[in-house]
C-alpha atoms as a PDB file:
ATOM      1  CA  MET A   1      15.832 -20.591   3.459  1.00  0.00           C
ATOM      2  CA  GLN A   2      17.867 -16.837   4.840  1.00  0.00           C
ATOM      3  CA  HIS A   3      15.208 -14.912   2.186  1.00  0.00           C
ATOM      4  CA  ARG A   4      11.939 -13.996   2.820  1.00  0.00           C
ATOM      5  CA  THR A   5       9.242 -13.511   0.461  1.00  0.00           C
ATOM      6  CA  VAL A   6       5.750 -11.485   0.432  1.00  0.00           C
ATOM      7  CA  ILE A   7       2.942 -12.906  -2.326  1.00  0.00           C
ATOM      8  CA  GLY A   8      -0.176 -11.193  -3.073  1.00  0.00           C
ATOM      9  CA  ARG A   9      -2.697 -10.262  -6.133  1.00  0.00           C
ATOM     10  CA  ILE A  10      -4.135  -6.717  -6.969  1.00  0.00           C
ATOM     11  CA  GLY A  11      -7.351  -6.520  -8.412  1.00  0.00           C
ATOM     12  CA  TYR A  12      -7.924  -3.686 -11.213  1.00  0.00           C
ATOM     13  CA  THR A  13     -11.432  -2.121 -11.921  1.00  0.00           C
ATOM     14  CA  SER A  14     -12.749   0.482 -13.720  1.00  0.00           C
ATOM     15  CA  LYS A  15     -14.624   3.972 -12.376  1.00  0.00           C
ATOM     16  CA  LYS A  16     -16.101   4.502 -15.881  1.00  0.00           C
ATOM     17  CA  PRO A  17     -19.684   5.026 -15.692  1.00  0.00           C
ATOM     18  CA  ASP A  18     -20.701   2.474 -18.468  1.00  0.00           C
ATOM     19  CA  MET A  19     -18.023  -0.403 -16.741  1.00  0.00           C
ATOM     20  CA  LEU A  20     -18.582   1.380 -13.070  1.00  0.00           C
ATOM     21  CA  ASP A  21     -16.425  -1.221 -10.944  1.00  0.00           C
ATOM     22  CA  GLN A  22     -16.265  -3.823 -13.467  1.00  0.00           C
ATOM     23  CA  GLU A  23     -12.861  -6.156 -13.686  1.00  0.00           C
ATOM     24  CA  ARG A  24     -10.097  -4.950 -16.336  1.00  0.00           C
ATOM     25  CA  GLY A  25      -7.152  -6.566 -15.295  1.00  0.00           C
ATOM     26  CA  ARG A  26      -5.134  -8.466 -12.619  1.00  0.00           C
ATOM     27  CA  GLU A  27      -1.340  -8.388 -11.015  1.00  0.00           C
ATOM     28  CA  TRP A  28       0.213 -11.315  -9.237  1.00  0.00           C
ATOM     29  CA  PHE A  29       3.525  -9.788  -7.691  1.00  0.00           C
ATOM     30  CA  SER A  30       6.248 -10.939  -5.136  1.00  0.00           C
ATOM     31  CA  PHE A  31       8.837  -9.573  -3.280  1.00  0.00           C
ATOM     32  CA  THR A  32      12.172 -11.472  -2.359  1.00  0.00           C
ATOM     33  CA  HIS A  33      13.787  -9.664   0.622  1.00  0.00           C
ATOM     34  CA  HIS A  34      17.303 -10.837   1.016  1.00  0.00           C
ATOM     35  CA  GLY A  35      19.608 -10.995   4.516  1.00  0.00           C
ATOM     36  CA  ASP A  36      21.786  -8.417   2.608  1.00  0.00           C
ATOM     37  CA  GLY A  37      19.423  -5.651   2.041  1.00  0.00           C
ATOM     38  CA  SER A  38      18.646  -6.410  -1.281  1.00  0.00           C
ATOM     39  CA  THR A  39      15.403  -7.079  -2.667  1.00  0.00           C
ATOM     40  CA  ILE A  40      14.022  -8.570  -5.676  1.00  0.00           C
ATOM     41  CA  PHE A  41      10.416  -8.059  -7.440  1.00  0.00           C
ATOM     42  CA  ARG A  42       8.234  -9.728  -9.793  1.00  0.00           C
ATOM     43  CA  ALA A  43       5.411  -8.937 -11.364  1.00  0.00           C
ATOM     44  CA  ARG A  44       2.863 -10.399 -14.087  1.00  0.00           C
ATOM     45  CA  CYS A  45       0.616  -7.596 -15.292  1.00  0.00           C
ATOM     46  CA  GLU A  46      -2.812  -8.315 -17.435  1.00  0.00           C
ATOM     47  CA  ILE A  47      -4.381  -5.157 -18.703  1.00  0.00           C
ATOM     48  CA  GLU A  48      -7.746  -5.843 -20.623  1.00  0.00           C
ATOM     49  CA  GLU A  49      -9.549  -2.360 -20.964  1.00  0.00           C
ATOM     50  CA  PRO A  50      -8.719  -0.158 -23.174  1.00  0.00           C
ATOM     51  CA  ALA A  51      -7.707  -2.152 -25.969  1.00  0.00           C
ATOM     52  CA  PRO A  52      -5.542  -3.540 -26.869  1.00  0.00           C
ATOM     53  CA  THR A  53      -4.738  -5.736 -24.087  1.00  0.00           C
ATOM     54  CA  VAL A  54      -1.187  -5.502 -22.551  1.00  0.00           C
ATOM     55  CA  LEU A  55       0.718  -7.975 -20.657  1.00  0.00           C
ATOM     56  CA  ARG A  56       3.784  -7.187 -19.210  1.00  0.00           C
ATOM     57  CA  ASP A  57       6.114  -9.534 -16.886  1.00  0.00           C
ATOM     58  CA  ILE A  58       8.450  -7.614 -14.680  1.00  0.00           C
ATOM     59  CA  VAL A  59      11.917  -8.663 -12.700  1.00  0.00           C
ATOM     60  CA  TYR A  60      13.559  -5.322 -10.805  1.00  0.00           C
ATOM     61  CA  VAL A  61      16.382  -5.971  -8.806  1.00  0.00           C
ATOM     62  CA  LEU A  62      17.536  -3.490  -5.595  1.00  0.00           C
ATOM     63  CA  ASP A  63      20.758  -3.783  -4.150  1.00  0.00           C
ATOM     64  CA  SER A  64      21.791  -3.796  -0.519  1.00  0.00           C
ATOM     65  CA  GLN A  65      21.547   0.069  -0.130  1.00  0.00           C
ATOM     66  CA  GLY A  66      18.370   0.201  -1.863  1.00  0.00           C
ATOM     67  CA  ARG A  67      19.011   1.762  -5.035  1.00  0.00           C
ATOM     68  CA  PRO A  68      17.933  -0.033  -8.039  1.00  0.00           C
ATOM     69  CA  GLN A  69      20.452  -2.667 -10.151  1.00  0.00           C
ATOM     70  CA  ASP A  70      18.712  -4.614 -12.897  1.00  0.00           C
ATOM     71  CA  LEU A  71      14.967  -4.103 -14.516  1.00  0.00           C
ATOM     72  CA  HIS A  72      14.414  -6.834 -16.815  1.00  0.00           C
ATOM     73  CA  VAL A  73      11.023  -6.417 -19.188  1.00  0.00           C
ATOM     74  CA  HIS A  74       8.945  -8.565 -21.320  1.00  0.00           C
ATOM     75  CA  LEU A  75       5.483  -6.951 -23.003  1.00  0.00           C
ATOM     76  CA  THR A  76       3.124  -8.634 -25.345  1.00  0.00           C
ATOM     77  CA  VAL A  77       0.295  -5.784 -26.799  1.00  0.00           C
ATOM     78  CA  GLY A  78      -2.813  -6.951 -28.378  1.00  0.00           C
ATOM     79  CA  ASP A  79      -1.686 -10.723 -27.866  1.00  0.00           C
ATOM     80  CA  ALA A  80       1.534  -9.815 -30.109  1.00  0.00           C
ATOM     81  CA  TYR A  81       5.271  -9.492 -29.092  1.00  0.00           C
ATOM     82  CA  MET A  82       6.012  -6.006 -28.036  1.00  0.00           C
ATOM     83  CA  GLY A  83       9.143  -6.386 -27.318  1.00  0.00           C
ATOM     84  CA  SER A  84      12.000  -6.824 -24.274  1.00  0.00           C
ATOM     85  CA  GLY A  85      14.799  -5.303 -22.664  1.00  0.00           C
ATOM     86  CA  TRP A  86      17.147  -4.792 -19.734  1.00  0.00           C
ATOM     87  CA  LEU A  87      17.792  -1.520 -18.037  1.00  0.00           C
ATOM     88  CA  HIS A  88      20.917  -1.868 -15.906  1.00  0.00           C
ATOM     89  CA  HIS A  89      22.043   0.697 -13.353  1.00  0.00           C
ATOM     90  CA  THR A  90      25.752   1.830 -12.278  1.00  0.00           C
ATOM     91  CA  PRO A  91      25.727   4.313  -9.354  1.00  0.00           C
ATOM     92  CA  GLY A  92      28.414   7.045  -8.978  1.00  0.00           C
ATOM     93  CA  ASP A  93      29.808   9.652  -6.396  1.00  0.00           C
ATOM     94  CA  GLU A  94      27.764  12.461  -7.673  1.00  0.00           C
ATOM     95  CA  GLY A  95      25.200  10.577 -10.483  1.00  0.00           C
ATOM     96  CA  GLY A  96      25.578   7.397 -12.165  1.00  0.00           C
ATOM     97  CA  LEU A  97      24.838   5.335 -15.600  1.00  0.00           C
ATOM     98  CA  ILE A  98      21.640   3.653 -17.221  1.00  0.00           C
ATOM     99  CA  GLU A  99      22.058   1.464 -19.824  1.00  0.00           C
ATOM    100  CA  CYS A 100      19.671  -0.611 -21.450  1.00  0.00           C
ATOM    101  CA  GLU A 101      19.424  -3.508 -24.278  1.00  0.00           C
ATOM    102  CA  SER A 102      16.369  -3.527 -26.026  1.00  0.00           C
ATOM    103  CA  TYR A 103      14.563  -5.281 -29.001  1.00  0.00           C
ATOM    104  CA  GLY A 104      11.264  -5.032 -30.382  1.00  0.00           C
ATOM    105  CA  PRO A 105       9.577  -5.842 -33.748  1.00  0.00           C
ATOM    106  CA  SER A 106       9.239  -1.837 -34.541  1.00  0.00           C
ATOM    107  CA  ILE A 107      12.539  -0.897 -33.073  1.00  0.00           C
ATOM    108  CA  GLY A 108      15.013  -3.531 -34.122  1.00  0.00           C
ATOM    109  CA  ARG A 109      17.825  -3.971 -31.673  1.00  0.00           C
ATOM    110  CA  ILE A 110      19.015  -0.829 -29.732  1.00  0.00           C
ATOM    111  CA  SER A 111      21.835  -0.360 -27.074  1.00  0.00           C
ATOM    112  CA  GLN A 112      21.466   2.973 -25.149  1.00  0.00           C
ATOM    113  CA  LYS A 113      23.882   4.790 -22.361  1.00  0.00           C
ATOM    114  CA  MET A 114      22.614   7.377 -20.366  1.00  0.00           C
ATOM    115  CA  PRO A 115      24.955   9.408 -17.964  1.00  0.00           C
ATOM    116  CA  TYR A 116      23.119  11.122 -15.257  1.00  0.00           C
ATOM    117  CA  ALA A 117      24.349  14.031 -12.492  1.00  0.00           C
ATOM    118  CA  GLY A 118      22.513  13.978  -9.158  1.00  0.00           C
ATOM    119  CA  LEU A 119      20.253  11.733  -7.314  1.00  0.00           C
ATOM    120  CA  ILE A 120      17.489   9.343  -8.397  1.00  0.00           C
ATOM    121  CA  ASP A 121      14.638   7.129  -6.582  1.00  0.00           C
ATOM    122  CA  GLY A 122      14.581   4.772  -8.210  1.00  0.00           C
ATOM    123  CA  PHE A 123      13.514   2.878 -11.649  1.00  0.00           C
ATOM    124  CA  GLY A 124       9.390   2.948 -12.376  1.00  0.00           C
ATOM    125  CA  THR A 125       8.479  -0.565 -13.306  1.00  0.00           C
ATOM    126  CA  HIS A 126       4.876   0.052 -14.379  1.00  0.00           C
ATOM    127  CA  PRO A 127       3.331  -2.744 -11.957  1.00  0.00           C
ATOM    128  CA  ILE A 128       0.874  -0.913  -9.697  1.00  0.00           C
ATOM    129  CA  ALA A 129       2.926  -3.008  -6.340  1.00  0.00           C
ATOM    130  CA  GLY A 130       5.933  -1.293  -7.789  1.00  0.00           C
ATOM    131  CA  ASP A 131       4.145   1.956  -7.874  1.00  0.00           C
ATOM    132  CA  GLY A 132       3.451   1.418  -4.046  1.00  0.00           C
ATOM    133  CA  TYR A 133       7.017   0.353  -3.115  1.00  0.00           C
ATOM    134  CA  THR A 134       8.831   3.376  -4.889  1.00  0.00           C
ATOM    135  CA  THR A 135       7.006   5.526  -2.131  1.00  0.00           C
ATOM    136  CA  ARG A 136       9.779   4.219   0.387  1.00  0.00           C
ATOM    137  CA  CYS A 137      11.824   6.945  -0.878  1.00  0.00           C
ATOM    138  CA  MET A 138       9.544   9.694   1.151  1.00  0.00           C
ATOM    139  CA  ASP A 139      10.309  10.639   4.983  1.00  0.00           C
ATOM    140  CA  VAL A 140       7.159  10.346   6.378  1.00  0.00           C
ATOM    141  CA  THR A 141       8.390  11.776   9.509  1.00  0.00           C
ATOM    142  CA  LYS A 142       8.279  14.889   8.161  1.00  0.00           C
ATOM    143  CA  GLY A 143       4.485  15.034   8.089  1.00  0.00           C
ATOM    144  CA  PRO A 144       2.474  15.593   5.258  1.00  0.00           C
ATOM    145  CA  HIS A 145       4.348  17.346   2.503  1.00  0.00           C
ATOM    146  CA  ARG A 146       5.226  16.872  -1.090  1.00  0.00           C
ATOM    147  CA  ARG A 147       8.848  16.537  -3.295  1.00  0.00           C
ATOM    148  CA  LYS A 148       9.463  15.426  -6.905  1.00  0.00           C
ATOM    149  CA  ILE A 149      10.975  12.548  -7.400  1.00  0.00           C
ATOM    150  CA  ARG A 150      13.187  11.456  -9.832  1.00  0.00           C
ATOM    151  CA  VAL A 151      13.104   7.676 -12.082  1.00  0.00           C
ATOM    152  CA  PHE A 152      14.010   6.217 -15.369  1.00  0.00           C
ATOM    153  CA  MET A 153      11.646   3.916 -17.004  1.00  0.00           C
ATOM    154  CA  PRO A 154      10.981   1.415 -19.701  1.00  0.00           C
ATOM    155  CA  SER A 155       8.119   3.412 -21.405  1.00  0.00           C
ATOM    156  CA  PRO A 156       6.944   6.968 -21.053  1.00  0.00           C
ATOM    157  CA  ASP A 157       3.358   5.272 -21.911  1.00  0.00           C
ATOM    158  CA  HIS A 158       0.988   5.327 -19.105  1.00  0.00           C
ATOM    159  CA  ARG A 159       0.241   2.236 -19.384  1.00  0.00           C
ATOM    160  CA  GLY A 160       3.845   0.987 -20.330  1.00  0.00           C
ATOM    161  CA  ALA A 161       2.776  -0.338 -23.474  1.00  0.00           C
ATOM    162  CA  THR A 162       5.790   0.425 -25.608  1.00  0.00           C
ATOM    163  CA  PRO A 163       8.941  -1.434 -26.336  1.00  0.00           C
ATOM    164  CA  PRO A 164      11.607  -0.830 -23.403  1.00  0.00           C
ATOM    165  CA  LEU A 165      13.610   1.988 -24.082  1.00  0.00           C
ATOM    166  CA  ILE A 166      15.046   4.776 -21.360  1.00  0.00           C
ATOM    167  CA  THR A 167      12.765   7.586 -20.257  1.00  0.00           C
ATOM    168  CA  GLU A 168      13.496   9.722 -17.188  1.00  0.00           C
ATOM    169  CA  VAL A 169      10.430  11.131 -15.649  1.00  0.00           C
ATOM    170  CA  GLU A 170       9.908  13.817 -12.698  1.00  0.00           C
ATOM    171  CA  ILE A 171       7.183  13.469 -10.880  1.00  0.00           C
ATOM    172  CA  GLY A 172       5.527  14.994  -7.660  1.00  0.00           C
ATOM    173  CA  LEU A 173       4.812  12.646  -4.770  1.00  0.00           C
ATOM    174  CA  GLU A 174       2.580  13.508  -1.679  1.00  0.00           C
ATOM    175  CA  TYR A 175       2.171  12.265   1.532  1.00  0.00           C
ATOM    176  CA  VAL A 176      -1.411  12.838   2.688  1.00  0.00           C
ATOM    177  CA  ARG A 177      -1.604  11.318   6.017  1.00  0.00           C
ATOM    178  CA  ASP A 178      -2.141   7.571   7.559  1.00  0.00           C
ATOM    179  CA  GLU A 179      -5.315   5.785   7.294  1.00  0.00           C
ATOM    180  CA  THR A 180      -6.572   2.698   8.489  1.00  0.00           C
ATOM    181  CA  VAL A 181      -7.924   0.568   5.095  1.00  0.00           C
ATOM    182  CA  THR A 182      -9.921  -2.780   4.713  1.00  0.00           C
ATOM    183  CA  VAL A 183      -9.920  -4.132   1.359  1.00  0.00           C
ATOM    184  CA  ALA A 184     -10.435  -8.122   0.369  1.00  0.00           C
ATOM    185  CA  ALA A 185      -7.290  -9.175   1.585  1.00  0.00           C
ATOM    186  CA  GLY A 186      -7.674  -7.617   5.095  1.00  0.00           C
ATOM    187  CA  THR A 187      -7.413  -4.443   7.222  1.00  0.00           C
ATOM    188  CA  PHE A 188      -3.950  -2.507   7.406  1.00  0.00           C
ATOM    189  CA  ASP A 189      -2.498   0.919   8.758  1.00  0.00           C
ATOM    190  CA  CYS A 190      -1.591   2.708   5.627  1.00  0.00           C
ATOM    191  CA  HIS A 191       0.059   5.372   4.340  1.00  0.00           C
ATOM    192  CA  HIS A 192      -1.787   7.559   2.024  1.00  0.00           C
ATOM    193  CA  PHE A 193       0.228   9.387  -0.675  1.00  0.00           C
ATOM    194  CA  ARG A 194      -0.768  10.961  -3.925  1.00  0.00           C
ATOM    195  CA  PHE A 195       1.357  11.172  -7.125  1.00  0.00           C
ATOM    196  CA  VAL A 196       0.789  14.389  -8.696  1.00  0.00           C
ATOM    197  CA  ASP A 197       2.742  14.739 -12.053  1.00  0.00           C
ATOM    198  CA  ASP A 198       3.132  18.497 -13.172  1.00  0.00           C
ATOM    199  CA  GLU A 199       6.208  18.787 -12.457  1.00  0.00           C
ATOM    200  CA  GLY A 200       7.172  18.977 -16.643  1.00  0.00           C
ATOM    201  CA  PRO A 201       5.867  17.819 -19.919  1.00  0.00           C
ATOM    202  CA  GLY A 202       4.419  15.037 -17.928  1.00  0.00           C
ATOM    203  CA  MET A 203       4.955  11.061 -19.166  1.00  0.00           C
ATOM    204  CA  GLY A 204       5.090  10.847 -22.882  1.00  0.00           C
ATOM    205  CA  GLY A 205       4.117  14.440 -23.052  1.00  0.00           C
ATOM    206  CA  VAL A 206       0.917  13.968 -21.253  1.00  0.00           C
ATOM    207  CA  PRO A 207       0.229  15.045 -18.056  1.00  0.00           C
ATOM    208  CA  HIS A 208      -0.618  11.518 -16.050  1.00  0.00           C
ATOM    209  CA  PRO A 209      -3.924  12.164 -13.326  1.00  0.00           C
ATOM    210  CA  HIS A 210      -3.849  12.462 -10.059  1.00  0.00           C
ATOM    211  CA  TYR A 211      -3.163   9.027  -8.724  1.00  0.00           C
ATOM    212  CA  ASP A 212      -3.705   8.253  -5.015  1.00  0.00           C
ATOM    213  CA  VAL A 213      -2.363   5.297  -3.238  1.00  0.00           C
ATOM    214  CA  TRP A 214      -2.316   3.397  -0.055  1.00  0.00           C
ATOM    215  CA  VAL A 215       0.849   1.786   1.186  1.00  0.00           C
ATOM    216  CA  THR A 216       1.133  -0.344   4.167  1.00  0.00           C
ATOM    217  CA  ALA A 217       3.046   1.310   7.060  1.00  0.00           C
ATOM    218  CA  ASP A 218       5.982  -0.866   7.113  1.00  0.00           C
ATOM    219  CA  ALA A 219       9.498  -1.114   5.617  1.00  0.00           C
ATOM    220  CA  ASP A 220       7.315  -3.634   3.065  1.00  0.00           C
ATOM    221  CA  ALA A 221       5.607  -0.970   1.889  1.00  0.00           C
ATOM    222  CA  ILE A 222       2.474  -3.167   0.173  1.00  0.00           C
ATOM    223  CA  PHE A 223       0.091  -1.592  -2.267  1.00  0.00           C
ATOM    224  CA  VAL A 224      -3.420  -1.992  -0.851  1.00  0.00           C
ATOM    225  CA  GLN A 225      -5.254   0.346  -2.712  1.00  0.00           C
ATOM    226  CA  GLY A 226      -5.379   3.395  -5.069  1.00  0.00           C
ATOM    227  CA  GLY A 227      -7.029   5.000  -8.018  1.00  0.00           C
ATOM    228  CA  VAL A 228      -6.445   7.143 -11.168  1.00  0.00           C
ATOM    229  CA  GLY A 229      -8.379   9.848 -11.749  1.00  0.00           C
ATOM    230  CA  GLY A 230      -9.222  12.160 -15.074  1.00  0.00           C
ATOM    231  CA  TYR A 231      -9.271  10.208 -18.443  1.00  0.00           C
ATOM    232  CA  MET A 232      -8.014   6.648 -16.824  1.00  0.00           C
ATOM    233  CA  GLN A 233     -10.905   6.479 -13.947  1.00  0.00           C
ATOM    234  CA  THR A 234      -9.393   3.243 -12.834  1.00  0.00           C
ATOM    235  CA  TRP A 235      -9.564   1.824  -9.154  1.00  0.00           C
ATOM    236  CA  TYR A 236      -6.849  -1.168  -7.675  1.00  0.00           C
ATOM    237  CA  GLU A 237      -7.227  -3.469  -4.423  1.00  0.00           C
ATOM    238  CA  LEU A 238      -5.370  -5.636  -2.605  1.00  0.00           C
ATOM    239  CA  LEU A 239      -7.119  -8.980  -2.835  1.00  0.00           C
ATOM    240  CA  GLU A 240      -4.806 -11.395  -1.680  1.00  0.00           C
ATOM    241  CA  LEU A 241      -1.381 -11.486   0.627  1.00  0.00           C
ATOM    242  CA  GLU A 242       0.843 -13.823   1.867  1.00  0.00           C
ATOM    243  CA  ARG A 243       3.864 -12.928   3.962  1.00  0.00           C
END
């Protein structure tokens, strides 16, 4: 085959005092990197805590220039079908167009078109491995710094647990420093980043707590570990990796 594939598994645990270090979910992911520079990201995510449970399937395609192309979402919440949808990006010279075709029992059948001006940094997908891959937009050669990133997401909910619809989100992303990190999957040289949600009204009108992530310091940008503070108190760790 002419493509290269990266496969892994991430464990979700809690940092809440009454659930300290207990498993609360898991994620399986893969990246297929093609010779023309395009990438297909796939993920299956299971969240058991807090209730209701969330099961999310994602397929995200980036074109040969690393721009978002398509995002497919299927969502089950509380073991019941919540919705499914498809987002498509058409880039232009000074902006572009985001389209969405979605269906869910609570929203029916919806078609959306949202033109935008300026630049975007990708689609936000909600899987943890996707969060790590998003950090590729940062120029680490500038040293520690912070900038605002702009993404379009299928849900403003912090767990992505609403039927897929276009949501524009702006959030701060900070490059903290380089660190060597050891997790169950091995020892990795990493870039340490921090998502800081203070650039506007927040996702869903509620600011997301600070979110620290450690990502491999190479072109694959594989999520290694990370955690969210505030009311969420969650931790994520790379358990298995094959590449």
